[in-house]
PDB file of N, CA and C in Angstrom:
ATOM      1  N   MET A   1     123.068 112.163 108.696  1.00  0.00           N
ATOM      2  CA  MET A   1     121.765 112.809 108.633  1.00  0.00           C
ATOM      3  C   MET A   1     120.826 111.907 107.821  1.00  0.00           C
ATOM      4  N   PRO A   2     119.616 111.659 108.325  1.00  0.00           N
ATOM      5  CA  PRO A   2     118.669 110.803 107.599  1.00  0.00           C
ATOM      6  C   PRO A   2     118.178 111.491 106.329  1.00  0.00           C
ATOM      7  N   PRO A   3     117.774 110.692 105.319  1.00  0.00           N
ATOM      8  CA  PRO A   3     117.272 111.299 104.081  1.00  0.00           C
ATOM      9  C   PRO A   3     115.960 112.044 104.334  1.00  0.00           C
ATOM     10  N   ILE A   4     115.716 113.055 103.536  1.00  0.00           N
ATOM     11  CA  ILE A   4     114.471 113.825 103.632  1.00  0.00           C
ATOM     12  C   ILE A   4     113.494 113.254 102.615  1.00  0.00           C
ATOM     13  N   ASP A   5     112.311 112.906 103.081  1.00  0.00           N
ATOM     14  CA  ASP A   5     111.308 112.272 102.228  1.00  0.00           C
ATOM     15  C   ASP A   5     110.339 113.319 101.678  1.00  0.00           C
ATOM     16  N   PHE A   6     110.558 113.703 100.423  1.00  0.00           N
ATOM     17  CA  PHE A   6     109.672 114.668  99.772  1.00  0.00           C
ATOM     18  C   PHE A   6     108.452 113.987  99.162  1.00  0.00           C
ATOM     19  N   ASN A   7     108.426 112.664  99.169  1.00  0.00           N
ATOM     20  CA  ASN A   7     107.312 111.929  98.574  1.00  0.00           C
ATOM     21  C   ASN A   7     106.022 112.098  99.358  1.00  0.00           C
ATOM     22  N   LYS A   8     106.114 112.558 100.590  1.00  0.00           N
ATOM     23  CA  LYS A   8     104.904 112.750 101.391  1.00  0.00           C
ATOM     24  C   LYS A   8     104.217 114.080 101.105  1.00  0.00           C
ATOM     25  N   LEU A   9     104.808 114.899 100.243  1.00  0.00           N
ATOM     26  CA  LEU A   9     104.186 116.173  99.886  1.00  0.00           C
ATOM     27  C   LEU A   9     103.221 115.932  98.729  1.00  0.00           C
ATOM     28  N   ASP A  10     101.956 115.979  99.021  1.00  0.00           N
ATOM     29  CA  ASP A  10     100.893 115.764  98.039  1.00  0.00           C
ATOM     30  C   ASP A  10     100.893 116.922  97.046  1.00  0.00           C
ATOM     31  N   THR A  11     101.166 116.638  95.783  1.00  0.00           N
ATOM     32  CA  THR A  11     101.254 117.708  94.791  1.00  0.00           C
ATOM     33  C   THR A  11      99.894 118.369  94.530  1.00  0.00           C
ATOM     34  N   ALA A  12      98.813 117.688  94.838  1.00  0.00           N
ATOM     35  CA  ALA A  12      97.491 118.315  94.691  1.00  0.00           C
ATOM     36  C   ALA A  12      97.269 119.379  95.757  1.00  0.00           C
ATOM     37  N   VAL A  13      97.989 119.289  96.862  1.00  0.00           N
ATOM     38  CA  VAL A  13      97.875 120.258  97.955  1.00  0.00           C
ATOM     39  C   VAL A  13      98.978 121.308  97.858  1.00  0.00           C
ATOM     40  N   HIS A  14     100.124 120.933  97.336  1.00  0.00           N
ATOM     41  CA  HIS A  14     101.348 121.725  97.442  1.00  0.00           C
ATOM     42  C   HIS A  14     101.309 123.108  96.791  1.00  0.00           C
ATOM     43  N   GLY A  15     100.559 123.290  95.731  1.00  0.00           N
ATOM     44  CA  GLY A  15     100.513 124.597  95.078  1.00  0.00           C
ATOM     45  C   GLY A  15      99.946 125.662  95.990  1.00  0.00           C
ATOM     46  N   PRO A  16     100.449 126.891  95.916  1.00  0.00           N
ATOM     47  CA  PRO A  16     100.007 127.942  96.840  1.00  0.00           C
ATOM     48  C   PRO A  16      98.500 128.216  96.794  1.00  0.00           C
ATOM     49  N   VAL A  17      97.903 128.208  95.625  1.00  0.00           N
ATOM     50  CA  VAL A  17      96.461 128.494  95.546  1.00  0.00           C
ATOM     51  C   VAL A  17      95.664 127.338  96.131  1.00  0.00           C
ATOM     52  N   ARG A  18      96.037 126.115  95.770  1.00  0.00           N
ATOM     53  CA  ARG A  18      95.315 124.951  96.305  1.00  0.00           C
ATOM     54  C   ARG A  18      95.497 124.840  97.821  1.00  0.00           C
ATOM     55  N   LEU A  19      96.696 125.098  98.305  1.00  0.00           N
ATOM     56  CA  LEU A  19      96.932 125.104  99.745  1.00  0.00           C
ATOM     57  C   LEU A  19      96.096 126.203 100.401  1.00  0.00           C
ATOM     58  N   GLY A  20      96.003 127.343  99.752  1.00  0.00           N
ATOM     59  CA  GLY A  20      95.179 128.440 100.266  1.00  0.00           C
ATOM     60  C   GLY A  20      93.708 128.081 100.323  1.00  0.00           C
ATOM     61  N   VAL A  21      93.215 127.417  99.290  1.00  0.00           N
ATOM     62  CA  VAL A  21      91.806 127.001  99.268  1.00  0.00           C
ATOM     63  C   VAL A  21      91.528 126.036 100.415  1.00  0.00           C
ATOM     64  N   LEU A  22      92.354 124.999 100.536  1.00  0.00           N
ATOM     65  CA  LEU A  22      92.142 124.011 101.589  1.00  0.00           C
ATOM     66  C   LEU A  22      92.235 124.643 102.975  1.00  0.00           C
ATOM     67  N   THR A  23      93.198 125.538 103.155  1.00  0.00           N
ATOM     68  CA  THR A  23      93.361 126.207 104.438  1.00  0.00           C
ATOM     69  C   THR A  23      92.145 127.075 104.765  1.00  0.00           C
ATOM     70  N   ALA A  24      91.685 127.837 103.786  1.00  0.00           N
ATOM     71  CA  ALA A  24      90.512 128.698 104.006  1.00  0.00           C
ATOM     72  C   ALA A  24      89.277 127.868 104.345  1.00  0.00           C
ATOM     73  N   LEU A  25      89.068 126.774 103.619  1.00  0.00           N
ATOM     74  CA  LEU A  25      87.900 125.935 103.888  1.00  0.00           C
ATOM     75  C   LEU A  25      88.016 125.239 105.246  1.00  0.00           C
ATOM     76  N   GLN A  26      89.230 124.869 105.635  1.00  0.00           N
ATOM     77  CA  GLN A  26      89.446 124.250 106.947  1.00  0.00           C
ATOM     78  C   GLN A  26      89.157 125.252 108.064  1.00  0.00           C
ATOM     79  N   MET A  27      89.611 126.475 107.894  1.00  0.00           N
ATOM     80  CA  MET A  27      89.471 127.483 108.946  1.00  0.00           C
ATOM     81  C   MET A  27      88.061 128.072 109.031  1.00  0.00           C
ATOM     82  N   ASP A  28      87.440 128.301 107.871  1.00  0.00           N
ATOM     83  CA  ASP A  28      86.177 129.044 107.843  1.00  0.00           C
ATOM     84  C   ASP A  28      84.957 128.222 107.480  1.00  0.00           C
ATOM     85  N   GLY A  29      85.135 126.996 107.051  1.00  0.00           N
ATOM     86  CA  GLY A  29      84.004 126.200 106.591  1.00  0.00           C
ATOM     87  C   GLY A  29      83.687 126.529 105.143  1.00  0.00           C
ATOM     88  N   PRO A  30      82.508 126.135 104.668  1.00  0.00           N
ATOM     89  CA  PRO A  30      82.158 126.356 103.261  1.00  0.00           C
ATOM     90  C   PRO A  30      82.250 127.837 102.869  1.00  0.00           C
ATOM     91  N   LEU A  31      82.803 128.060 101.672  1.00  0.00           N
ATOM     92  CA  LEU A  31      82.941 129.419 101.139  1.00  0.00           C
ATOM     93  C   LEU A  31      82.537 129.425  99.674  1.00  0.00           C
ATOM     94  N   ASP A  32      82.010 130.559  99.229  1.00  0.00           N
ATOM     95  CA  ASP A  32      81.637 130.670  97.822  1.00  0.00           C
ATOM     96  C   ASP A  32      82.837 131.127  96.988  1.00  0.00           C
ATOM     97  N   PHE A  33      82.680 130.994  95.682  1.00  0.00           N
ATOM     98  CA  PHE A  33      83.754 131.303  94.739  1.00  0.00           C
ATOM     99  C   PHE A  33      84.276 132.727  94.922  1.00  0.00           C
ATOM    100  N   THR A  34      83.367 133.687  95.034  1.00  0.00           N
ATOM    101  CA  THR A  34      83.765 135.089  95.150  1.00  0.00           C
ATOM    102  C   THR A  34      84.572 135.345  96.417  1.00  0.00           C
ATOM    103  N   THR A  35      84.167 134.746  97.514  1.00  0.00           N
ATOM    104  CA  THR A  35      84.901 134.910  98.766  1.00  0.00           C
ATOM    105  C   THR A  35      86.304 134.314  98.648  1.00  0.00           C
ATOM    106  N   LEU A  36      86.405 133.122  98.066  1.00  0.00           N
ATOM    107  CA  LEU A  36      87.723 132.503  97.876  1.00  0.00           C
ATOM    108  C   LEU A  36      88.597 133.354  96.961  1.00  0.00           C
ATOM    109  N   LYS A  37      88.004 133.872  95.908  1.00  0.00           N
ATOM    110  CA  LYS A  37      88.756 134.706  94.968  1.00  0.00           C
ATOM    111  C   LYS A  37      89.325 135.941  95.664  1.00  0.00           C
ATOM    112  N   LYS A  38      88.512 136.600  96.463  1.00  0.00           N
ATOM    113  CA  LYS A  38      88.971 137.786  97.189  1.00  0.00           C
ATOM    114  C   LYS A  38      90.019 137.430  98.231  1.00  0.00           C
ATOM    115  N   ARG A  39      89.787 136.348  98.952  1.00  0.00           N
ATOM    116  CA  ARG A  39      90.703 135.937 100.012  1.00  0.00           C
ATOM    117  C   ARG A  39      92.077 135.590  99.449  1.00  0.00           C
ATOM    118  N   LEU A  40      92.095 134.897  98.312  1.00  0.00           N
ATOM    119  CA  LEU A  40      93.365 134.415  97.752  1.00  0.00           C
ATOM    120  C   LEU A  40      93.970 135.373  96.726  1.00  0.00           C
ATOM    121  N   ARG A  41      93.202 136.388  96.346  1.00  0.00           N
ATOM    122  CA  ARG A  41      93.674 137.390  95.383  1.00  0.00           C
ATOM    123  C   ARG A  41      94.189 136.766  94.084  1.00  0.00           C
ATOM    124  N   VAL A  42      93.333 135.971  93.460  1.00  0.00           N
ATOM    125  CA  VAL A  42      93.663 135.313  92.194  1.00  0.00           C
ATOM    126  C   VAL A  42      92.563 135.598  91.177  1.00  0.00           C
ATOM    127  N   SER A  43      92.872 135.336  89.922  1.00  0.00           N
ATOM    128  CA  SER A  43      91.897 135.561  88.854  1.00  0.00           C
ATOM    129  C   SER A  43      90.853 134.446  88.848  1.00  0.00           C
ATOM    130  N   ASP A  44      89.734 134.719  88.191  1.00  0.00           N
ATOM    131  CA  ASP A  44      88.672 133.726  88.059  1.00  0.00           C
ATOM    132  C   ASP A  44      89.205 132.437  87.446  1.00  0.00           C
ATOM    133  N   GLY A  45      89.934 132.584  86.335  1.00  0.00           N
ATOM    134  CA  GLY A  45      90.429 131.414  85.609  1.00  0.00           C
ATOM    135  C   GLY A  45      91.390 130.576  86.435  1.00  0.00           C
ATOM    136  N   SER A  46      92.297 131.240  87.121  1.00  0.00           N
ATOM    137  CA  SER A  46      93.267 130.525  87.945  1.00  0.00           C
ATOM    138  C   SER A  46      92.559 129.788  89.080  1.00  0.00           C
ATOM    139  N   LEU A  47      91.678 130.473  89.788  1.00  0.00           N
ATOM    140  CA  LEU A  47      90.968 129.847  90.892  1.00  0.00           C
ATOM    141  C   LEU A  47      90.112 128.694  90.389  1.00  0.00           C
ATOM    142  N   GLY A  48      89.414 128.902  89.290  1.00  0.00           N
ATOM    143  CA  GLY A  48      88.568 127.851  88.724  1.00  0.00           C
ATOM    144  C   GLY A  48      89.351 126.594  88.403  1.00  0.00           C
ATOM    145  N   SER A  49      90.527 126.775  87.841  1.00  0.00           N
ATOM    146  CA  SER A  49      91.383 125.640  87.499  1.00  0.00           C
ATOM    147  C   SER A  49      91.821 124.873  88.743  1.00  0.00           C
ATOM    148  N   HIS A  50      92.236 125.590  89.768  1.00  0.00           N
ATOM    149  CA  HIS A  50      92.682 124.940  91.000  1.00  0.00           C
ATOM    150  C   HIS A  50      91.520 124.271  91.736  1.00  0.00           C
ATOM    151  N   LEU A  51      90.365 124.912  91.736  1.00  0.00           N
ATOM    152  CA  LEU A  51      89.193 124.298  92.361  1.00  0.00           C
ATOM    153  C   LEU A  51      88.817 123.003  91.649  1.00  0.00           C
ATOM    154  N   GLN A  52      88.927 123.001  90.328  1.00  0.00           N
ATOM    155  CA  GLN A  52      88.618 121.795  89.556  1.00  0.00           C
ATOM    156  C   GLN A  52      89.577 120.670  89.917  1.00  0.00           C
ATOM    157  N   THR A  53      90.862 120.998  90.056  1.00  0.00           N
ATOM    158  CA  THR A  53      91.855 119.992  90.445  1.00  0.00           C
ATOM    159  C   THR A  53      91.503 119.396  91.808  1.00  0.00           C
ATOM    160  N   LEU A  54      91.163 120.255  92.763  1.00  0.00           N
ATOM    161  CA  LEU A  54      90.821 119.776  94.106  1.00  0.00           C
ATOM    162  C   LEU A  54      89.529 118.962  94.101  1.00  0.00           C
ATOM    163  N   GLU A  55      88.608 119.346  93.240  1.00  0.00           N
ATOM    164  CA  GLU A  55      87.360 118.594  93.134  1.00  0.00           C
ATOM    165  C   GLU A  55      87.615 117.233  92.485  1.00  0.00           C
ATOM    166  N   ASP A  56      88.452 117.209  91.457  1.00  0.00           N
ATOM    167  CA  ASP A  56      88.781 115.955  90.774  1.00  0.00           C
ATOM    168  C   ASP A  56      89.484 114.961  91.689  1.00  0.00           C
ATOM    169  N   THR A  57      90.283 115.460  92.641  1.00  0.00           N
ATOM    170  CA  THR A  57      90.972 114.569  93.583  1.00  0.00           C
ATOM    171  C   THR A  57      90.058 114.131  94.728  1.00  0.00           C
ATOM    172  N   GLY A  58      88.882 114.737  94.836  1.00  0.00           N
ATOM    173  CA  GLY A  58      87.951 114.385  95.900  1.00  0.00           C
ATOM    174  C   GLY A  58      88.198 115.125  97.197  1.00  0.00           C
ATOM    175  N   TYR A  59      89.027 116.186  97.148  1.00  0.00           N
ATOM    176  CA  TYR A  59      89.360 116.934  98.361  1.00  0.00           C
ATOM    177  C   TYR A  59      88.305 117.976  98.722  1.00  0.00           C
ATOM    178  N   ILE A  60      87.578 118.477  97.731  1.00  0.00           N
ATOM    179  CA  ILE A  60      86.507 119.440  97.987  1.00  0.00           C
ATOM    180  C   ILE A  60      85.266 119.029  97.204  1.00  0.00           C
ATOM    181  N   ALA A  61      84.146 119.568  97.604  1.00  0.00           N
ATOM    182  CA  ALA A  61      82.891 119.365  96.877  1.00  0.00           C
ATOM    183  C   ALA A  61      82.272 120.735  96.628  1.00  0.00           C
ATOM    184  N   SER A  62      81.511 120.834  95.548  1.00  0.00           N
ATOM    185  CA  SER A  62      80.857 122.101  95.235  1.00  0.00           C
ATOM    186  C   SER A  62      79.347 121.916  95.185  1.00  0.00           C
ATOM    187  N   LYS A  63      78.668 123.009  95.465  1.00  0.00           N
ATOM    188  CA  LYS A  63      77.211 123.030  95.398  1.00  0.00           C
ATOM    189  C   LYS A  63      76.824 124.283  94.632  1.00  0.00           C
ATOM    190  N   LYS A  64      76.100 124.086  93.550  1.00  0.00           N
ATOM    191  CA  LYS A  64      75.685 125.212  92.723  1.00  0.00           C
ATOM    192  C   LYS A  64      74.238 125.559  93.046  1.00  0.00           C
ATOM    193  N   ALA A  65      73.984 126.853  93.150  1.00  0.00           N
ATOM    194  CA  ALA A  65      72.634 127.340  93.439  1.00  0.00           C
ATOM    195  C   ALA A  65      72.470 128.696  92.770  1.00  0.00           C
ATOM    196  N   PHE A  66      71.266 129.201  92.792  1.00  0.00           N
ATOM    197  CA  PHE A  66      71.009 130.543  92.289  1.00  0.00           C
ATOM    198  C   PHE A  66      70.567 131.419  93.449  1.00  0.00           C
ATOM    199  N   VAL A  67      71.130 132.612  93.501  1.00  0.00           N
ATOM    200  CA  VAL A  67      70.704 133.616  94.460  1.00  0.00           C
ATOM    201  C   VAL A  67      70.083 134.709  93.604  1.00  0.00           C
ATOM    202  N   GLY A  68      68.775 134.767  93.642  1.00  0.00           N
ATOM    203  CA  GLY A  68      68.079 135.624  92.684  1.00  0.00           C
ATOM    204  C   GLY A  68      68.276 134.998  91.310  1.00  0.00           C
ATOM    205  N   ARG A  69      68.838 135.768  90.407  1.00  0.00           N
ATOM    206  CA  ARG A  69      69.115 135.254  89.064  1.00  0.00           C
ATOM    207  C   ARG A  69      70.595 134.941  88.853  1.00  0.00           C
ATOM    208  N   ARG A  70      71.371 135.086  89.907  1.00  0.00           N
ATOM    209  CA  ARG A  70      72.827 134.901  89.786  1.00  0.00           C
ATOM    210  C   ARG A  70      73.249 133.526  90.301  1.00  0.00           C
ATOM    211  N   PRO A  71      74.118 132.861  89.538  1.00  0.00           N
ATOM    212  CA  PRO A  71      74.631 131.579  90.026  1.00  0.00           C
ATOM    213  C   PRO A  71      75.614 131.794  91.169  1.00  0.00           C
ATOM    214  N   LYS A  72      75.602 130.876  92.114  1.00  0.00           N
ATOM    215  CA  LYS A  72      76.526 130.945  93.246  1.00  0.00           C
ATOM    216  C   LYS A  72      77.011 129.521  93.520  1.00  0.00           C
ATOM    217  N   THR A  73      78.323 129.343  93.499  1.00  0.00           N
ATOM    218  CA  THR A  73      78.909 128.039  93.785  1.00  0.00           C
ATOM    219  C   THR A  73      79.625 128.118  95.124  1.00  0.00           C
ATOM    220  N   THR A  74      79.277 127.204  95.994  1.00  0.00           N
ATOM    221  CA  THR A  74      79.886 127.134  97.315  1.00  0.00           C
ATOM    222  C   THR A  74      80.708 125.859  97.404  1.00  0.00           C
ATOM    223  N   TYR A  75      81.876 125.974  98.019  1.00  0.00           N
ATOM    224  CA  TYR A  75      82.804 124.848  98.142  1.00  0.00           C
ATOM    225  C   TYR A  75      82.958 124.474  99.600  1.00  0.00           C
ATOM    226  N   ARG A  76      83.103 123.178  99.832  1.00  0.00           N
ATOM    227  CA  ARG A  76      83.339 122.688 101.188  1.00  0.00           C
ATOM    228  C   ARG A  76      84.436 121.634 101.141  1.00  0.00           C
ATOM    229  N   LEU A  77      85.110 121.500 102.256  1.00  0.00           N
ATOM    230  CA  LEU A  77      86.176 120.517 102.395  1.00  0.00           C
ATOM    231  C   LEU A  77      85.565 119.153 102.672  1.00  0.00           C
ATOM    232  N   ARG A  78      86.005 118.149 101.931  1.00  0.00           N
ATOM    233  CA  ARG A  78      85.557 116.772 102.167  1.00  0.00           C
ATOM    234  C   ARG A  78      86.519 116.108 103.150  1.00  0.00           C
ATOM    235  N   PRO A  79      86.126 115.001 103.759  1.00  0.00           N
ATOM    236  CA  PRO A  79      87.028 114.313 104.693  1.00  0.00           C
ATOM    237  C   PRO A  79      88.398 113.986 104.076  1.00  0.00           C
ATOM    238  N   ALA A  80      88.422 113.591 102.810  1.00  0.00           N
ATOM    239  CA  ALA A  80      89.704 113.289 102.157  1.00  0.00           C
ATOM    240  C   ALA A  80      90.578 114.539 102.064  1.00  0.00           C
ATOM    241  N   GLY A  81      89.967 115.685 101.854  1.00  0.00           N
ATOM    242  CA  GLY A  81      90.705 116.941 101.784  1.00  0.00           C
ATOM    243  C   GLY A  81      91.234 117.359 103.143  1.00  0.00           C
ATOM    244  N   ARG A  82      90.436 117.137 104.161  1.00  0.00           N
ATOM    245  CA  ARG A  82      90.856 117.446 105.530  1.00  0.00           C
ATOM    246  C   ARG A  82      92.074 116.593 105.900  1.00  0.00           C
ATOM    247  N   LYS A  83      92.035 115.301 105.523  1.00  0.00           N
ATOM    248  CA  LYS A  83      93.149 114.394 105.809  1.00  0.00           C
ATOM    249  C   LYS A  83      94.373 114.772 104.979  1.00  0.00           C
ATOM    250  N   ALA A  84      94.163 115.099 103.712  1.00  0.00           N
ATOM    251  CA  ALA A  84      95.289 115.482 102.846  1.00  0.00           C
ATOM    252  C   ALA A  84      95.988 116.727 103.383  1.00  0.00           C
ATOM    253  N   LEU A  85      95.218 117.705 103.850  1.00  0.00           N
ATOM    254  CA  LEU A  85      95.807 118.920 104.408  1.00  0.00           C
ATOM    255  C   LEU A  85      96.584 118.595 105.686  1.00  0.00           C
ATOM    256  N   ALA A  86      96.011 117.791 106.548  1.00  0.00           N
ATOM    257  CA  ALA A  86      96.691 117.408 107.795  1.00  0.00           C
ATOM    258  C   ALA A  86      97.979 116.644 107.489  1.00  0.00           C
ATOM    259  N   ASP A  87      97.927 115.711 106.544  1.00  0.00           N
ATOM    260  CA  ASP A  87      99.122 114.943 106.165  1.00  0.00           C
ATOM    261  C   ASP A  87     100.190 115.849 105.571  1.00  0.00           C
ATOM    262  N   TYR A  88      99.774 116.795 104.752  1.00  0.00           N
ATOM    263  CA  TYR A  88     100.707 117.739 104.139  1.00  0.00           C
ATOM    264  C   TYR A  88     101.404 118.575 105.216  1.00  0.00           C
ATOM    265  N   LEU A  89     100.626 119.080 106.153  1.00  0.00           N
ATOM    266  CA  LEU A  89     101.205 119.901 107.221  1.00  0.00           C
ATOM    267  C   LEU A  89     102.148 119.083 108.103  1.00  0.00           C
ATOM    268  N   THR A  90     101.824 117.838 108.345  1.00  0.00           N
ATOM    269  CA  THR A  90     102.716 116.955 109.105  1.00  0.00           C
ATOM    270  C   THR A  90     104.030 116.761 108.363  1.00  0.00           C
ATOM    271  N   ALA A  91     103.949 116.530 107.048  1.00  0.00           N
ATOM    272  CA  ALA A  91     105.163 116.358 106.245  1.00  0.00           C
ATOM    273  C   ALA A  91     105.998 117.637 106.231  1.00  0.00           C
ATOM    274  N   MET A  92     105.346 118.785 106.130  1.00  0.00           N
ATOM    275  CA  MET A  92     106.084 120.057 106.148  1.00  0.00           C
ATOM    276  C   MET A  92     106.727 120.287 107.514  1.00  0.00           C
ATOM    277  N   ARG A  93     106.024 119.915 108.584  1.00  0.00           N
ATOM    278  CA  ARG A  93     106.576 120.046 109.925  1.00  0.00           C
ATOM    279  C   ARG A  93     107.837 119.196 110.057  1.00  0.00           C
ATOM    280  N   ALA A  94     107.811 117.976 109.489  1.00  0.00           N
ATOM    281  CA  ALA A  94     108.984 117.094 109.532  1.00  0.00           C
ATOM    282  C   ALA A  94     110.150 117.709 108.755  1.00  0.00           C
ATOM    283  N   LEU A  95     109.861 118.338 107.618  1.00  0.00           N
ATOM    284  CA  LEU A  95     110.916 119.004 106.846  1.00  0.00           C
ATOM    285  C   LEU A  95     111.503 120.174 107.625  1.00  0.00           C
ATOM    286  N   LEU A  96     110.641 120.960 108.259  1.00  0.00           N
ATOM    287  CA  LEU A  96     111.125 122.080 109.066  1.00  0.00           C
ATOM    288  C   LEU A  96     111.987 121.596 110.227  1.00  0.00           C
ATOM    289  N   ASP A  97     111.566 120.511 110.863  1.00  0.00           N
ATOM    290  CA  ASP A  97     112.359 119.941 111.957  1.00  0.00           C
ATOM    291  C   ASP A  97     113.720 119.480 111.463  1.00  0.00           C
ATOM    292  N   ALA A  98     113.748 118.872 110.274  1.00  0.00           N
ATOM    293  CA  ALA A  98     115.016 118.402 109.698  1.00  0.00           C
ATOM    294  C   ALA A  98     115.942 119.593 109.422  1.00  0.00           C
ATOM    295  N   ILE A  99     115.389 120.676 108.941  1.00  0.00           N
ATOM    296  CA  ILE A  99     116.195 121.879 108.662  1.00  0.00           C
ATOM    297  C   ILE A  99     116.735 122.449 109.963  1.00  0.00           C
ATOM    298  N   GLU A 100     115.886 122.550 110.978  1.00  0.00           N
ATOM    299  CA  GLU A 100     116.303 123.077 112.267  1.00  0.00           C
ATOM    300  C   GLU A 100     117.396 122.204 112.880  1.00  0.00           C
ATOM    301  N   THR A 101     117.250 120.888 112.762  1.00  0.00           N
ATOM    302  CA  THR A 101     118.244 119.967 113.294  1.00  0.00           C
ATOM    303  C   THR A 101     119.574 120.138 112.564  1.00  0.00           C
ATOM    304  N   ALA A 102     119.508 120.313 111.265  1.00  0.00           N
ATOM    305  CA  ALA A 102     120.724 120.459 110.459  1.00  0.00           C
ATOM    306  C   ALA A 102     121.450 121.779 110.786  1.00  0.00           C
ATOM    307  N   LYS A 103     120.682 122.808 111.176  1.00  0.00           N
ATOM    308  CA  LYS A 103     121.282 124.104 111.496  1.00  0.00           C
ATOM    309  C   LYS A 103     121.873 124.159 112.906  1.00  0.00           C
ATOM    310  N   ALA A 104     121.501 123.199 113.745  1.00  0.00           N
ATOM    311  CA  ALA A 104     121.973 123.210 115.128  1.00  0.00           C
ATOM    312  C   ALA A 104     123.489 123.039 115.165  1.00  0.00           C
ATOM    313  N   PRO A 105     124.180 123.849 115.988  1.00  0.00           N
ATOM    314  CA  PRO A 105     125.641 123.728 116.085  1.00  0.00           C
ATOM    315  C   PRO A 105     126.044 122.395 116.695  1.00  0.00           C
ATOM    316  N   ALA A 106     127.159 121.890 116.228  1.00  0.00           N
ATOM    317  CA  ALA A 106     127.642 120.594 116.709  1.00  0.00           C
ATOM    318  C   ALA A 106     128.304 120.699 118.060  1.00  0.00           C
TER     319      ALA A 106
END
């Protein structure tokens, strides 16, 4: 059986919240903080931390604006984030295939 390469799993994508953010932005386009928070069912602090990580890696970008007197931050997926998500899913697909192959009867 060939070795399984876990090095292709991008740790910036791998966490459930970060994977959720990237997936939501890929599927729905730009989303604001409140929408992401509701969709992922996480606390403000947790989401903020993960969004900062994704922004620091260049996977997402944010735009701050005011709606009335309230601040509103909207996030969008950058090309690097789109590629990172696609690469991550490809690596996970390869792992799933390896598991399925290993389970196949001889």
